[in-house]
Amino acid sequence: MAIGDVLKDVCVAVGEAIPPAFFSTAAGTSRTWQQLQLLANEGARMIAGGFDWQVLRKVAEISGTGTAEGFDLPANFSRMLKKASLWSSRYRWDMTHIVDSDDWLSFEFTTIAPLFGAWTMHGGQMHIQPVMAVGEKAKFFYISKQIVRASDGTPKTAFTADEDTFLLDERLLRLAIIALWKQLQAQDFAAELSDYEIAFDQASDSDGGSKPVLSGNLPTSRNGRITWPGTVTGQG
């Protein structure tokens, strides 16, 4: 459903007249339509930022050069997944994320370093230690900031035309805009917010496929990975 149709439904719900268009000069300079444009993009960003939606997940690949420590993030990078790791072709385990900036600087002046390499982010780049060798690869999942699709299929970061479509649930977007509209108008929006939160929980719970329930105790390793339950022995 195009954003223009979503906003028409919003107008019906909040008791506003429907204009000829929302994202064009046909909408005029009415404050109402300008506010709806603003809230459409605010609601879309709010939904996209609240969960690691599968349709927005992308994989970034970094190639070692033998000299570079820092690597630019993808042009459509919004953020990493809420729980994500950096994996290198050099190691068997994921690399250690160094959150504290001083801890990262300490690697330059001490001989202590994580066993499986380390990474951090600053200055709009991904930084990796030790320096990746030529041919070494590293990958991580991230969330794209391109949450809108134009009528010709071009990905976009925001709505700018009535024909644009939201990559996520349009019903969820409609409920978000209604709640934000009532809040902006200083009206009671508790019921509308509750409707949005219920719909958000339902949409996020069903996103990304089924979530099977397992009974019993499964053997696991660090980070909860499934491990072989038997004993591994060498050949004589």
Protein backbone atom coordinates (compact mmCIF):
# COMPACT_ATOMS: atom_id res chain seq x y z
CA MET A 1 0.00 0.00 0.00
CA ALA A 2 1.36 3.41 -0.96
CA ILE A 3 1.93 5.98 1.78
CA GLY A 4 -0.73 8.20 0.21
CA ASP A 5 -3.33 5.49 0.82
CA VAL A 6 -2.08 4.94 4.36
CA LEU A 7 -2.47 8.65 5.11
CA LYS A 8 -5.98 8.66 3.65
CA ASP A 9 -6.92 5.98 6.18
CA VAL A 10 -5.30 8.08 8.90
CA CYS A 11 -7.39 11.10 7.89
CA VAL A 12 -10.57 9.03 8.13
CA ALA A 13 -9.56 7.75 11.57
CA VAL A 14 -8.74 11.18 13.02
CA GLY A 15 -11.56 13.09 11.31
CA GLU A 16 -9.53 15.19 8.87
CA ALA A 17 -10.45 15.95 5.26
CA ILE A 18 -8.53 14.00 2.62
CA PRO A 19 -6.44 16.25 0.33
CA PRO A 20 -5.75 15.56 -3.38
CA ALA A 21 -2.22 14.52 -2.43
CA PHE A 22 0.07 14.57 0.60
CA PHE A 23 3.61 14.82 -0.78
CA SER A 24 3.10 17.31 -3.61
CA THR A 25 2.14 20.92 -4.23
CA ALA A 26 -1.46 19.72 -4.59
CA ALA A 27 -1.51 19.36 -0.81
CA GLY A 28 -0.89 23.07 -0.45
CA THR A 29 0.79 24.59 2.58
CA SER A 30 -1.78 23.48 5.14
CA ARG A 31 -0.21 22.75 8.50
CA THR A 32 -2.31 19.57 8.75
CA TRP A 33 -0.77 18.00 5.65
CA GLN A 34 2.72 19.13 6.61
CA GLN A 35 2.26 17.50 10.00
CA LEU A 36 1.07 14.26 8.40
CA GLN A 37 4.16 14.23 6.16
CA LEU A 38 6.35 14.66 9.22
CA LEU A 39 4.54 12.00 11.24
CA ALA A 40 4.60 9.50 8.38
CA ASN A 41 8.39 9.58 8.33
CA GLU A 42 8.66 9.74 12.11
CA GLY A 43 6.39 6.70 12.48
CA ALA A 44 8.36 4.77 9.85
CA ARG A 45 11.67 5.48 11.59
CA MET A 46 10.18 4.57 14.97
CA ILE A 47 9.01 1.19 13.68
CA ALA A 48 12.26 0.44 11.84
CA GLY A 49 14.37 1.28 14.87
CA GLY A 50 12.37 -0.79 17.32
CA PHE A 51 13.24 -4.27 16.04
CA ASP A 52 15.72 -6.11 13.84
CA TRP A 53 13.25 -6.65 10.99
CA GLN A 54 14.40 -9.35 8.58
CA VAL A 55 13.57 -7.32 5.46
CA LEU A 56 15.97 -4.59 6.62
CA ARG A 57 18.82 -6.96 7.52
CA LYS A 58 21.84 -6.78 5.24
CA VAL A 59 25.27 -8.41 5.30
CA ALA A 60 28.39 -6.26 5.08
CA GLU A 61 31.64 -7.82 3.89
CA ILE A 62 35.07 -6.40 4.66
CA SER A 63 38.17 -7.44 2.74
CA GLY A 64 41.60 -7.22 4.34
CA THR A 65 44.36 -5.24 2.65
CA GLY A 66 47.25 -6.10 4.95
CA THR A 67 47.55 -2.47 6.08
CA ALA A 68 44.10 -0.95 6.76
CA GLU A 69 42.63 -1.04 10.27
CA GLY A 70 39.52 1.06 9.57
CA PHE A 71 36.83 0.33 6.99
CA ASP A 72 33.94 2.53 5.87
CA LEU A 73 30.45 1.37 6.78
CA PRO A 74 27.95 0.60 3.99
CA ALA A 75 26.27 3.66 2.48
CA ASN A 76 22.85 2.43 3.63
CA PHE A 77 24.05 1.55 7.15
CA SER A 78 21.68 2.51 9.98
CA ARG A 79 22.94 0.38 12.86
CA MET A 80 24.12 -3.09 13.68
CA LEU A 81 21.61 -5.66 14.86
CA LYS A 82 20.82 -5.40 18.56
CA LYS A 83 22.76 -8.63 19.02
CA ALA A 84 25.34 -9.07 16.29
CA SER A 85 28.88 -10.34 15.95
CA LEU A 86 31.74 -9.77 13.55
CA TRP A 87 33.02 -12.98 11.98
CA SER A 88 36.39 -13.38 10.30
CA SER A 89 37.65 -16.09 7.98
CA ARG A 90 40.78 -16.21 10.14
CA TYR A 91 39.14 -17.39 13.39
CA ARG A 92 36.83 -20.16 14.52
CA TRP A 93 34.90 -17.83 16.86
CA ASP A 94 33.38 -14.40 16.51
CA MET A 95 35.69 -11.47 17.18
CA THR A 96 35.55 -9.58 20.48
CA HIS A 97 33.58 -6.32 20.51
CA ILE A 98 35.47 -3.63 22.44
CA VAL A 99 32.91 -1.10 23.65
CA ASP A 100 35.17 1.10 25.77
CA SER A 101 37.30 3.52 23.73
CA ASP A 102 40.17 3.48 26.23
CA ASP A 103 40.30 -0.31 26.13
CA TRP A 104 40.66 -0.08 22.37
CA LEU A 105 43.51 2.43 22.60
CA SER A 106 45.30 0.21 25.10
CA PHE A 107 45.88 -2.36 22.35
CA GLU A 108 48.34 0.05 20.73
CA PHE A 109 50.58 0.18 23.79
CA THR A 110 50.28 -3.27 25.39
CA THR A 111 50.89 -6.83 24.28
CA ILE A 112 47.47 -7.91 25.57
CA ALA A 113 44.80 -8.51 22.94
CA PRO A 114 41.75 -10.75 22.55
CA LEU A 115 42.59 -14.23 21.30
CA PHE A 116 40.25 -14.10 18.30
CA GLY A 117 40.77 -10.49 17.27
CA ALA A 118 38.76 -7.42 18.22
CA TRP A 119 36.61 -4.74 16.67
CA THR A 120 35.05 -1.42 17.55
CA MET A 121 33.29 1.44 15.78
CA HIS A 122 34.21 5.11 15.72
CA GLY A 123 34.44 7.89 13.18
CA GLY A 124 31.86 6.22 10.96
CA GLN A 125 34.12 3.22 10.42
CA MET A 126 34.54 -0.37 11.55
CA HIS A 127 37.99 -0.84 13.12
CA ILE A 128 39.60 -4.27 13.40
CA GLN A 129 42.68 -5.48 15.27
CA PRO A 130 44.98 -7.14 14.40
CA VAL A 131 45.12 -5.76 10.86
CA MET A 132 43.38 -8.10 8.45
CA ALA A 133 45.66 -9.90 6.03
CA VAL A 134 45.24 -9.73 2.27
CA GLY A 135 42.49 -12.17 1.31
CA GLU A 136 40.99 -12.28 4.81
CA LYS A 137 37.25 -11.62 4.97
CA ALA A 138 35.01 -10.36 7.76
CA LYS A 139 31.22 -10.15 7.76
CA PHE A 140 28.49 -8.75 9.97
CA PHE A 141 24.75 -8.15 9.82
CA TYR A 142 23.37 -4.62 9.93
CA ILE A 143 20.06 -2.79 9.53
CA SER A 144 19.55 -0.71 6.39
CA LYS A 145 18.28 2.85 6.71
CA GLN A 146 16.51 2.53 3.35
CA ILE A 147 13.07 1.72 4.73
CA VAL A 148 11.03 3.10 1.80
CA ARG A 149 10.69 2.01 -1.83
CA ALA A 150 9.83 4.41 -4.65
CA SER A 151 7.29 3.48 -7.31
CA ASP A 152 10.15 2.57 -9.68
CA GLY A 153 11.70 0.25 -7.09
CA THR A 154 14.45 2.61 -5.94
CA PRO A 155 15.20 2.27 -2.20
CA LYS A 156 14.85 5.47 -0.16
CA THR A 157 15.38 6.60 3.41
CA ALA A 158 12.13 8.59 3.69
CA PHE A 159 8.74 9.23 2.08
CA THR A 160 8.81 12.01 -0.49
CA ALA A 161 5.95 10.98 -2.81
CA ASP A 162 2.45 9.61 -2.34
CA GLU A 163 3.39 6.54 -4.39
CA ASP A 164 6.23 5.51 -2.06
CA THR A 165 5.71 2.29 -0.09
CA PHE A 166 6.89 1.26 3.36
CA LEU A 167 9.01 -1.90 3.48
CA LEU A 168 7.40 -2.97 6.74
CA ASP A 169 3.80 -3.46 7.93
CA GLU A 170 1.52 -0.68 6.60
CA ARG A 171 -1.13 -1.34 9.24
CA LEU A 172 1.51 -0.87 11.92
CA LEU A 173 2.55 2.39 10.27
CA ARG A 174 -1.06 3.61 10.16
CA LEU A 175 -1.52 2.89 13.88
CA ALA A 176 1.76 4.64 14.69
CA ILE A 177 0.79 7.77 12.74
CA ILE A 178 -2.63 7.91 14.42
CA ALA A 179 -1.07 7.70 17.89
CA LEU A 180 1.56 10.31 17.00
CA TRP A 181 -1.11 12.59 15.51
CA LYS A 182 -3.25 12.51 18.63
CA GLN A 183 -0.19 13.13 20.78
CA LEU A 184 0.76 16.12 18.60
CA GLN A 185 -2.75 17.54 18.94
CA ALA A 186 -2.54 17.19 22.75
CA GLN A 187 -5.38 14.65 22.70
CA ASP A 188 -5.70 11.52 24.78
CA PHE A 189 -3.79 8.88 22.81
CA ALA A 190 -3.51 6.08 25.38
CA ALA A 191 -5.86 3.73 23.50
CA GLU A 192 -4.21 4.42 20.14
CA LEU A 193 -0.76 3.86 21.63
CA SER A 194 -1.92 0.58 23.13
CA ASP A 195 -3.28 -0.53 19.73
CA TYR A 196 0.08 0.29 18.15
CA GLU A 197 2.08 -1.53 20.81
CA ILE A 198 -0.06 -4.67 20.50
CA ALA A 199 0.30 -4.63 16.71
CA PHE A 200 4.06 -4.04 17.02
CA ASP A 201 4.48 -7.03 19.34
CA GLN A 202 2.47 -9.23 16.99
CA ALA A 203 4.40 -8.12 13.91
CA SER A 204 7.82 -8.48 15.52
CA ASP A 205 6.94 -11.87 17.00
CA SER A 206 6.02 -13.28 13.59
CA ASP A 207 8.91 -11.65 11.72
CA GLY A 208 11.73 -13.85 10.48
CA GLY A 209 9.97 -17.20 10.46
CA SER A 210 8.86 -19.68 13.10
CA LYS A 211 10.39 -19.89 16.55
CA PRO A 212 10.25 -23.57 17.61
CA VAL A 213 9.96 -24.49 21.27
CA LEU A 214 12.46 -27.15 22.36
CA SER A 215 12.10 -29.26 25.49
CA GLY A 216 14.86 -30.89 27.48
CA ASN A 217 18.44 -29.79 27.97
CA LEU A 218 20.47 -29.40 24.81
CA PRO A 219 24.27 -29.39 24.97
CA THR A 220 25.51 -25.94 24.11
CA SER A 221 28.74 -24.00 23.89
CA ARG A 222 29.54 -20.33 24.47
CA ASN A 223 26.88 -17.97 23.14
CA GLY A 224 24.38 -20.83 23.30
CA ARG A 225 25.53 -22.65 20.17
CA ILE A 226 24.57 -26.29 19.65
CA THR A 227 27.49 -28.65 20.25
CA TRP A 228 28.24 -32.30 19.59
CA PRO A 229 27.12 -34.36 22.63
CA GLY A 230 29.64 -37.15 22.14
CA THR A 231 33.37 -37.44 22.77
CA VAL A 232 35.82 -36.47 20.07
CA THR A 233 38.93 -38.66 20.02
CA GLY A 234 41.96 -38.76 17.77
CA GLN A 235 42.65 -41.60 15.40
CA GLY A 236 45.26 -44.10 16.41
